[in-house]
Protein backbone atom coordinates (compact mmCIF):
# COMPACT_ATOMS: atom_id res chain seq x y z
CA MET A 1 9.86 7.43 -12.02
CA PRO A 2 6.28 6.62 -11.07
CA THR A 3 4.07 9.35 -9.73
CA ARG A 4 1.83 9.10 -6.70
CA ALA A 5 -1.14 9.39 -9.06
CA GLU A 6 0.10 6.30 -10.90
CA ILE A 7 0.65 4.26 -7.72
CA LYS A 8 -2.54 5.25 -5.86
CA PRO A 9 -5.07 3.24 -7.92
CA LYS A 10 -2.87 0.15 -7.72
CA VAL A 11 -2.65 0.32 -3.92
CA VAL A 12 -6.33 1.22 -3.47
CA GLY A 13 -7.27 -1.67 -5.77
CA LYS A 14 -5.46 -4.09 -3.45
CA PHE A 15 -7.35 -2.70 -0.45
CA ALA A 16 -10.68 -2.94 -2.28
CA ALA A 17 -10.09 -6.62 -3.01
CA ILE A 18 -9.10 -7.43 0.56
CA ALA A 19 -11.82 -5.37 2.25
CA HIS A 20 -14.48 -6.51 -0.25
CA LYS A 21 -15.40 -2.90 -0.97
CA PRO A 22 -15.61 -0.95 -4.22
CA VAL A 23 -12.60 1.21 -4.98
CA SER A 24 -14.82 4.29 -4.76
CA ALA A 25 -15.62 3.47 -1.11
CA ILE A 26 -11.98 3.66 -0.01
CA ALA A 27 -10.64 7.04 1.10
CA GLU A 28 -7.04 8.02 1.83
CA SER A 29 -8.09 8.88 5.37
CA ASP A 30 -9.39 5.34 6.00
CA ASP A 31 -7.76 3.53 8.91
CA LEU A 32 -6.57 0.12 7.73
CA GLU A 33 -7.72 -1.68 10.88
CA VAL A 34 -10.83 0.26 11.86
CA ASP A 35 -12.29 1.12 8.45
CA LEU A 36 -10.99 -1.76 6.32
CA GLY A 37 -10.84 -4.52 8.94
CA MET A 38 -7.17 -5.32 8.33
CA SER A 39 -5.47 -6.90 11.34
CA THR A 40 -1.74 -6.52 11.91
CA THR A 41 -1.24 -9.93 10.29
CA ILE A 42 -3.07 -8.85 7.14
CA ARG A 43 -1.20 -5.53 7.05
CA ARG A 44 2.09 -7.44 7.32
CA ALA A 45 0.98 -9.76 4.51
CA MET A 46 0.45 -6.71 2.30
CA VAL A 47 4.23 -6.81 1.78
CA LEU A 48 3.59 -9.15 -1.17
CA PRO A 49 1.18 -6.99 -3.18
CA TYR A 50 3.07 -3.79 -2.27
CA ASN A 51 6.37 -5.29 -3.43
CA GLY A 52 4.63 -6.51 -6.57
CA ILE A 53 3.74 -2.91 -7.37
CA ILE A 54 7.20 -1.63 -6.40
CA ASN A 55 8.94 -4.24 -8.53
CA GLU A 56 7.12 -2.99 -11.64
CA TYR A 57 9.56 -0.07 -11.57
CA GLU A 58 13.29 -0.21 -12.16
CA GLY A 59 15.21 0.72 -9.05
CA GLY A 60 12.31 0.08 -6.68
CA VAL A 61 13.26 -0.84 -3.11
CA SER A 62 11.28 -3.67 -1.48
CA LEU A 63 9.43 -3.29 1.79
CA THR A 64 9.59 -5.60 4.82
CA MET A 65 6.72 -7.17 6.72
CA ASP A 66 7.54 -5.00 9.74
CA GLU A 67 7.22 -1.84 7.66
CA THR A 68 3.87 -2.83 6.18
CA GLY A 69 2.54 -4.00 9.55
CA ASP A 70 3.21 -0.54 10.99
CA LEU A 71 1.12 1.29 8.37
CA GLU A 72 -2.11 2.73 9.74
CA THR A 73 -3.89 4.52 6.88
CA VAL A 74 -4.48 4.21 3.17
CA LYS A 75 -2.56 7.49 2.67
CA GLU A 76 0.51 6.20 4.53
CA SER A 77 0.45 3.06 2.40
CA ILE A 78 0.23 4.96 -0.90
CA ASP A 79 2.99 7.34 0.16
CA LEU A 80 5.35 4.55 1.22
CA VAL A 81 4.79 2.42 -1.89
CA THR A 82 5.32 5.51 -4.07
CA LYS A 83 8.52 6.39 -2.23
CA ARG A 84 9.91 2.87 -2.55
CA ALA A 85 8.86 2.51 -6.20
CA ASN A 86 11.04 5.57 -6.81
CA GLY A 87 14.03 3.92 -5.14
CA ASP A 88 13.92 5.86 -1.86
CA ASP A 89 14.67 3.53 1.07
CA SER A 90 14.86 6.19 3.77
């Protein structure tokens, strides 16, 4: 089962690429819309990279666009991807 520490750099790396910022400039407290400039449409589109990470792990449970569109912070995103990569769909 993947740990949060294993998932975090993968998720933050996706944000860095989209926000055109270095990984070191992204904090867990960052707001996806305000700090990283990610509209609801972009947050919904994150379903693809998030599910790519989740699918690296056996038993991972995919996310939906609605779930990813509702995420507000980097921390929430890391936590949800970690939870789903571990097969928890609650």
